[in-house]
Amino acid sequence: MSIEKYQPIPVVILGGKDQRPAKLPDEVEDKRALSAYKGMAIRIDGQPIISLIIQRLRASKAFGPIYIAGPSDIYQPVSDLAHIIDTDGQLDENVDNALQTMALFHPDRAIAFFACDVLPTPENLVELVKLYRETGRSDIFFPLVRVPPTPEQLGSSDWKPRYQVIPAGEEQPTQVLPGHLLIIRPNSLRLRLIFTLTRLAYQTRNRGIEYRKSAMIRGALWFLIKEDFKQLTKFKLPHLTATVISNAIAGARELASGTVSQRKLERRIRKIVVKARHRVTHRGPTVFFPVVDALELAKDIDTYEEVEELGGKIEEFGQEPKEAP
């Protein structure tokens, strides 16, 4: 049995800054979008939230070593708690830089990515990694968080767009929110495509499915055509555009219907982002979107109201902590 199964998973906390405040849904008029290096700017009990995240990752004993992908001048105060990957670009650029570092220090290992503005409990993290290990050598593990039956439990995060899927082993659809933990095996994936989709997905977060589908397909189309042209010059069949676009459109339509099964969604994503050669040599399912009960994993902080709910304050770089405006 692989030694890796018993080792902590190297984890990168994504510590970049939104270039502009997140676009909230049009119907959300009572929230104020936040734009900051949130890992350091959000202070809870006087501590930057990223310090609390690191404490919880360590307490779980499931993740390590811990890295922060963000500008070194911003995260220098916590450099004794984690390794800093000095990067300050858009989300996809920061992920790319982080993966280059991971390839040097942790080749052929699964890598976890974690948001810098969520606070799941150590117990949640232990259960998630246990679930991940039960999947075997999965290429992508991305938990979806079940929406609680009482909306009040979402608090100030009740505005976040929700999706409906039918969890594995169940018959009825349930509402879910994206979790903010991702575990991948980089060598199995179409990374350049993922970087493109990651940038587009982040730019359209908090928007409806149809809007996101249209924006992501338009944005990815030129990339796909260029990749297929490269295949032609190598006298290979140009299949990437057809494979990605057909599965993206079908997957978005199924997700919008509210009746897509978790397993069908996983198969669609596998065809889009897992390398074709890897799919041939690994026939079983290697993409997992389990539906879990870990609400804090879905409550990322996009607004001042969510900071206030945690009893937190905002401290911009080089300024004193302040209440949300």
Protein backbone atom coordinates (compact mmCIF):
# COMPACT_ATOMS: atom_id res chain seq x y z
CA MET A 1 0.00 0.00 0.00
CA SER A 2 1.29 3.47 -0.88
CA ILE A 3 3.10 5.34 1.90
CA GLU A 4 1.44 8.51 0.60
CA LYS A 5 -1.90 7.28 1.93
CA TYR A 6 -0.68 7.90 5.47
CA GLN A 7 1.13 11.18 4.86
CA PRO A 8 -0.30 14.69 5.29
CA ILE A 9 -1.26 16.34 2.01
CA PRO A 10 0.81 19.39 0.96
CA VAL A 11 -1.56 22.36 0.95
CA VAL A 12 -1.49 25.80 -0.69
CA ILE A 13 -3.61 28.58 0.80
CA LEU A 14 -4.52 30.96 -2.01
CA GLY A 15 -3.80 34.39 -0.61
CA GLY A 16 -4.24 36.72 -3.57
CA LYS A 17 -6.42 39.81 -3.82
CA ASP A 18 -9.46 40.41 -5.96
CA GLN A 19 -8.57 42.99 -8.60
CA ARG A 20 -11.95 44.52 -7.86
CA PRO A 21 -14.80 43.67 -5.46
CA ALA A 22 -16.72 40.53 -6.32
CA LYS A 23 -19.76 41.04 -8.55
CA LEU A 24 -22.75 40.14 -6.41
CA PRO A 25 -26.02 38.87 -7.89
CA ASP A 26 -28.20 41.69 -9.17
CA GLU A 27 -30.91 40.97 -6.60
CA VAL A 28 -28.48 41.35 -3.69
CA GLU A 29 -28.73 45.00 -2.72
CA ASP A 30 -28.07 44.92 1.02
CA LYS A 31 -24.48 43.58 0.90
CA ARG A 32 -21.18 45.42 0.40
CA ALA A 33 -18.58 43.52 -1.60
CA LEU A 34 -15.08 43.24 -0.13
CA SER A 35 -11.79 43.59 -2.02
CA ALA A 36 -8.58 43.00 -0.07
CA TYR A 37 -5.82 40.51 0.65
CA LYS A 38 -8.40 38.80 2.78
CA GLY A 39 -6.04 36.36 4.47
CA MET A 40 -4.34 39.26 6.24
CA ALA A 41 -7.01 41.97 6.07
CA ILE A 42 -9.72 40.05 7.94
CA ARG A 43 -8.91 40.14 11.65
CA ILE A 44 -10.70 37.98 14.19
CA ASP A 45 -9.84 38.49 17.84
CA GLY A 46 -6.86 40.51 16.65
CA GLN A 47 -5.44 37.71 14.49
CA PRO A 48 -5.41 37.60 10.68
CA ILE A 49 -7.81 34.95 9.49
CA ILE A 50 -5.02 33.12 7.69
CA SER A 51 -3.35 32.44 11.07
CA LEU A 52 -6.56 30.80 12.28
CA ILE A 53 -6.76 28.72 9.10
CA ILE A 54 -3.18 27.52 9.57
CA GLN A 55 -3.93 26.62 13.19
CA ARG A 56 -6.89 24.51 12.09
CA LEU A 57 -4.97 22.82 9.27
CA ARG A 58 -2.24 21.90 11.74
CA ALA A 59 -4.72 20.72 14.35
CA SER A 60 -6.26 18.33 11.81
CA LYS A 61 -2.82 16.73 11.19
CA ALA A 62 -4.15 15.95 7.70
CA PHE A 63 -2.32 18.67 5.76
CA GLY A 64 1.29 19.72 5.45
CA PRO A 65 3.62 21.28 4.64
CA ILE A 66 1.56 24.49 4.46
CA TYR A 67 2.23 27.13 1.80
CA ILE A 68 0.69 30.54 1.14
CA ALA A 69 0.50 31.72 -2.46
CA GLY A 70 0.52 35.50 -2.20
CA PRO A 71 2.79 38.54 -2.12
CA SER A 72 5.63 38.10 0.35
CA ASP A 73 5.43 41.69 1.63
CA ILE A 74 1.78 41.17 2.63
CA TYR A 75 2.28 37.76 4.25
CA GLN A 76 5.70 38.36 5.83
CA PRO A 77 4.10 38.68 9.32
CA VAL A 78 3.01 35.03 9.14
CA SER A 79 6.08 33.68 7.35
CA ASP A 80 7.03 31.74 10.50
CA LEU A 81 3.76 29.78 10.19
CA ALA A 82 3.94 28.74 6.52
CA HIS A 83 6.16 28.82 3.44
CA ILE A 84 5.45 31.85 1.24
CA ILE A 85 5.21 31.44 -2.55
CA ASP A 86 5.75 35.02 -3.70
CA THR A 87 3.08 35.68 -6.33
CA ASP A 88 0.64 38.51 -6.90
CA GLY A 89 -1.25 37.89 -10.13
CA GLN A 90 -4.74 36.78 -11.05
CA LEU A 91 -6.04 33.57 -9.51
CA ASP A 92 -4.91 31.33 -12.37
CA GLU A 93 -1.43 32.89 -12.34
CA ASN A 94 -1.12 32.32 -8.60
CA VAL A 95 -2.22 28.70 -8.97
CA ASP A 96 0.28 28.20 -11.81
CA ASN A 97 3.13 29.63 -9.72
CA ALA A 98 2.11 27.49 -6.77
CA LEU A 99 2.05 24.32 -8.87
CA GLN A 100 5.53 25.05 -10.21
CA THR A 101 6.75 25.20 -6.62
CA MET A 102 4.88 22.03 -5.71
CA ALA A 103 6.41 20.21 -8.69
CA LEU A 104 9.87 21.01 -7.31
CA PHE A 105 9.29 20.04 -3.71
CA HIS A 106 6.46 17.49 -3.94
CA PRO A 107 6.68 15.79 -7.37
CA ASP A 108 4.00 13.22 -8.17
CA ARG A 109 2.06 14.07 -5.03
CA ALA A 110 -1.56 15.07 -4.61
CA ILE A 111 -1.79 18.80 -3.82
CA ALA A 112 -4.53 20.56 -1.87
CA PHE A 113 -5.67 24.13 -2.48
CA PHE A 114 -7.52 26.02 0.20
CA ALA A 115 -9.24 29.41 0.30
CA CYS A 116 -7.88 32.09 2.62
CA ASP A 117 -11.30 33.13 3.92
CA VAL A 118 -13.07 30.02 5.25
CA LEU A 119 -12.89 28.48 8.72
CA PRO A 120 -13.92 24.81 8.76
CA THR A 121 -13.25 22.96 11.98
CA PRO A 122 -10.31 20.57 12.32
CA GLU A 123 -12.88 17.77 12.65
CA ASN A 124 -14.38 18.76 9.27
CA LEU A 125 -10.93 18.65 7.70
CA VAL A 126 -10.17 15.22 9.14
CA GLU A 127 -13.44 13.82 7.79
CA LEU A 128 -12.85 15.36 4.35
CA VAL A 129 -9.38 13.87 4.02
CA LYS A 130 -10.69 10.51 5.21
CA LEU A 131 -13.32 10.69 2.47
CA TYR A 132 -10.67 11.68 -0.06
CA ARG A 133 -8.45 8.72 0.85
CA GLU A 134 -11.41 6.35 0.44
CA THR A 135 -11.62 7.37 -3.23
CA GLY A 136 -8.16 5.94 -3.92
CA ARG A 137 -5.88 7.89 -6.27
CA SER A 138 -8.47 10.41 -7.43
CA ASP A 139 -7.40 13.10 -9.89
CA ILE A 140 -9.84 15.70 -8.56
CA PHE A 141 -11.59 15.82 -5.19
CA PHE A 142 -13.91 18.79 -4.74
CA PRO A 143 -16.56 18.60 -2.00
CA LEU A 144 -19.98 20.16 -2.48
CA VAL A 145 -21.57 21.36 0.74
CA ARG A 146 -25.17 20.50 1.51
CA VAL A 147 -27.32 23.57 2.22
CA PRO A 148 -28.92 23.21 5.66
CA PRO A 149 -32.72 22.92 5.87
CA THR A 150 -33.04 26.19 7.77
CA PRO A 151 -31.69 29.21 5.82
CA GLU A 152 -30.87 30.99 9.07
CA GLN A 153 -27.86 28.69 9.44
CA LEU A 154 -26.28 30.41 6.43
CA GLY A 155 -26.43 33.76 8.21
CA SER A 156 -24.94 36.56 6.13
CA SER A 157 -23.97 34.02 3.45
CA ASP A 158 -27.60 33.28 2.54
CA TRP A 159 -27.22 35.25 -0.71
CA LYS A 160 -24.69 32.88 -2.28
CA PRO A 161 -25.91 31.13 -5.47
CA ARG A 162 -26.85 27.51 -4.92
CA TYR A 163 -26.97 24.49 -7.18
CA GLN A 164 -28.96 21.26 -7.11
CA VAL A 165 -27.52 17.79 -7.56
CA ILE A 166 -28.60 14.29 -6.66
CA PRO A 167 -25.95 12.95 -4.25
CA ALA A 168 -24.53 9.49 -4.87
CA GLY A 169 -26.74 6.88 -3.21
CA GLU A 170 -29.74 9.23 -3.00
CA GLU A 171 -32.79 9.69 -5.21
CA GLN A 172 -33.81 13.30 -4.62
CA PRO A 173 -31.85 16.45 -5.53
CA THR A 174 -30.45 18.58 -2.78
CA GLN A 175 -29.19 22.16 -2.76
CA VAL A 176 -25.42 22.55 -2.50
CA LEU A 177 -22.78 25.25 -2.31
CA PRO A 178 -19.20 24.87 -3.58
CA GLY A 179 -16.70 23.90 -0.92
CA HIS A 180 -13.42 25.79 -0.83
CA LEU A 181 -11.07 22.83 -0.72
CA LEU A 182 -9.66 21.22 -3.86
CA ILE A 183 -7.30 18.24 -4.00
CA ILE A 184 -5.74 17.39 -7.37
CA ARG A 185 -3.08 15.27 -9.02
CA PRO A 186 -1.55 17.84 -11.41
CA ASN A 187 0.17 15.34 -13.71
CA SER A 188 -3.19 13.86 -14.71
CA LEU A 189 -4.84 17.13 -15.71
CA ARG A 190 -5.02 19.56 -18.62
CA LEU A 191 -3.50 22.30 -16.53
CA ARG A 192 -3.43 25.09 -19.11
CA LEU A 193 -7.12 24.56 -19.78
CA ILE A 194 -7.80 24.49 -16.05
CA PHE A 195 -5.94 27.79 -15.58
CA THR A 196 -8.10 29.37 -18.27
CA LEU A 197 -11.32 27.97 -16.79
CA THR A 198 -10.23 28.91 -13.27
CA ARG A 199 -9.77 32.54 -14.25
CA LEU A 200 -13.14 32.64 -16.00
CA ALA A 201 -14.92 30.81 -13.19
CA TYR A 202 -13.53 33.18 -10.58
CA GLN A 203 -14.47 36.24 -12.62
CA THR A 204 -18.07 35.03 -12.88
CA ARG A 205 -18.46 33.61 -9.37
CA ASN A 206 -21.70 34.49 -7.60
CA ARG A 207 -23.51 34.63 -10.97
CA GLY A 208 -26.17 32.31 -12.38
CA ILE A 209 -25.40 29.10 -14.27
CA GLU A 210 -26.45 30.40 -17.72
CA TYR A 211 -24.33 33.54 -17.40
CA ARG A 212 -21.31 31.56 -16.24
CA LYS A 213 -21.72 28.96 -18.99
CA SER A 214 -21.80 31.57 -21.74
CA ALA A 215 -18.87 33.57 -20.34
CA MET A 216 -16.68 30.51 -19.80
CA ILE A 217 -17.36 28.97 -23.20
CA ARG A 218 -16.64 32.26 -24.98
CA GLY A 219 -13.48 32.78 -22.97
CA ALA A 220 -12.18 29.24 -23.42
CA LEU A 221 -13.03 28.85 -27.11
CA TRP A 222 -9.97 30.65 -28.51
CA PHE A 223 -7.67 28.65 -26.22
CA LEU A 224 -9.24 25.38 -27.37
CA ILE A 225 -8.98 26.26 -31.06
CA LYS A 226 -5.28 27.08 -30.66
CA GLU A 227 -4.67 23.79 -28.88
CA ASP A 228 -6.43 21.83 -31.60
CA PHE A 229 -4.42 23.63 -34.26
CA LYS A 230 -1.26 22.43 -32.50
CA GLN A 231 -2.62 18.89 -32.70
CA LEU A 232 -3.12 19.26 -36.45
CA THR A 233 0.49 20.33 -36.94
CA LYS A 234 1.47 17.05 -35.23
CA PHE A 235 -0.83 15.09 -37.56
CA LYS A 236 -3.15 14.22 -34.66
CA LEU A 237 -6.93 14.47 -34.53
CA PRO A 238 -8.13 17.86 -33.17
CA HIS A 239 -10.67 16.59 -30.63
CA LEU A 240 -10.20 18.95 -27.67
CA THR A 241 -12.61 21.70 -28.71
CA ALA A 242 -15.46 19.29 -29.46
CA THR A 243 -14.90 17.28 -26.27
CA VAL A 244 -14.72 20.27 -23.94
CA ILE A 245 -17.49 22.37 -25.48
CA SER A 246 -19.97 19.51 -25.85
CA ASN A 247 -19.48 18.35 -22.26
CA ALA A 248 -19.46 21.90 -20.89
CA ILE A 249 -22.76 22.77 -22.59
CA ALA A 250 -24.38 19.48 -21.59
CA GLY A 251 -23.07 19.73 -18.02
CA ALA A 252 -24.30 23.32 -17.59
CA ARG A 253 -27.72 22.38 -19.00
CA GLU A 254 -27.97 19.41 -16.64
CA LEU A 255 -26.84 21.47 -13.66
CA ALA A 256 -29.37 24.20 -14.50
CA SER A 257 -32.12 21.58 -14.62
CA GLY A 258 -31.56 20.84 -10.94
CA THR A 259 -31.74 17.09 -11.51
CA VAL A 260 -28.20 16.14 -12.47
CA SER A 261 -26.69 13.32 -10.49
CA GLN A 262 -23.38 13.72 -8.72
CA ARG A 263 -21.93 10.84 -10.74
CA LYS A 264 -22.96 12.29 -14.11
CA LEU A 265 -21.48 15.67 -13.14
CA GLU A 266 -18.23 13.95 -12.19
CA ARG A 267 -18.10 12.16 -15.55
CA ARG A 268 -18.60 15.44 -17.43
CA ILE A 269 -15.81 17.16 -15.52
CA ARG A 270 -13.51 14.17 -16.06
CA LYS A 271 -13.91 14.42 -19.84
CA ILE A 272 -13.21 18.15 -19.76
CA VAL A 273 -10.12 18.41 -17.55
CA VAL A 274 -8.47 14.97 -17.27
CA LYS A 275 -5.97 14.17 -20.01
CA ALA A 276 -7.31 11.77 -22.64
CA ARG A 277 -4.32 9.43 -22.31
CA HIS A 278 -4.80 9.25 -18.55
CA ARG A 279 -8.49 8.44 -18.97
CA VAL A 280 -7.52 5.53 -21.21
CA THR A 281 -5.07 4.08 -18.71
CA HIS A 282 -7.30 4.75 -15.67
CA ARG A 283 -10.76 3.54 -16.61
CA GLY A 284 -12.44 3.87 -13.22
CA PRO A 285 -13.88 7.08 -11.80
CA THR A 286 -11.13 9.51 -10.82
CA VAL A 287 -13.14 12.71 -10.28
CA PHE A 288 -15.18 13.04 -7.09
CA PHE A 289 -17.61 15.79 -6.05
CA PRO A 290 -18.98 14.31 -2.81
CA VAL A 291 -21.89 16.06 -1.08
CA VAL A 292 -20.87 16.69 2.52
CA ASP A 293 -22.17 18.37 5.66
CA ALA A 294 -19.44 20.92 6.38
CA LEU A 295 -21.16 24.29 6.14
CA GLU A 296 -18.20 26.41 7.22
CA LEU A 297 -16.28 25.16 4.19
CA ALA A 298 -18.78 26.94 1.92
CA LYS A 299 -18.98 30.23 3.83
CA ASP A 300 -16.18 32.16 2.17
CA ILE A 301 -16.11 35.87 2.97
CA ASP A 302 -17.10 38.09 0.05
CA THR A 303 -18.83 40.91 1.92
CA TYR A 304 -18.36 43.22 4.88
CA GLU A 305 -21.51 41.74 6.41
CA GLU A 306 -19.87 38.31 6.56
CA VAL A 307 -16.86 39.84 8.33
CA GLU A 308 -19.17 41.50 10.85
CA GLU A 309 -20.99 38.23 11.50
CA LEU A 310 -17.69 36.68 12.62
CA GLY A 311 -17.05 39.63 14.90
CA GLY A 312 -14.13 40.60 12.71
CA LYS A 313 -12.54 43.80 11.46
CA ILE A 314 -10.77 44.82 8.28
CA GLU A 315 -7.13 45.93 8.30
CA GLU A 316 -5.72 47.07 4.99
CA PHE A 317 -1.97 46.70 4.47
CA GLY A 318 -0.12 49.17 6.68
CA GLN A 319 -3.31 50.47 8.36
CA GLU A 320 -4.93 49.97 11.73
CA PRO A 321 -7.86 47.53 12.04
CA LYS A 322 -11.23 49.17 11.38
CA GLU A 323 -14.89 48.31 11.48
CA ALA A 324 -16.57 47.53 8.17
CA PRO A 325 -17.86 50.73 6.57
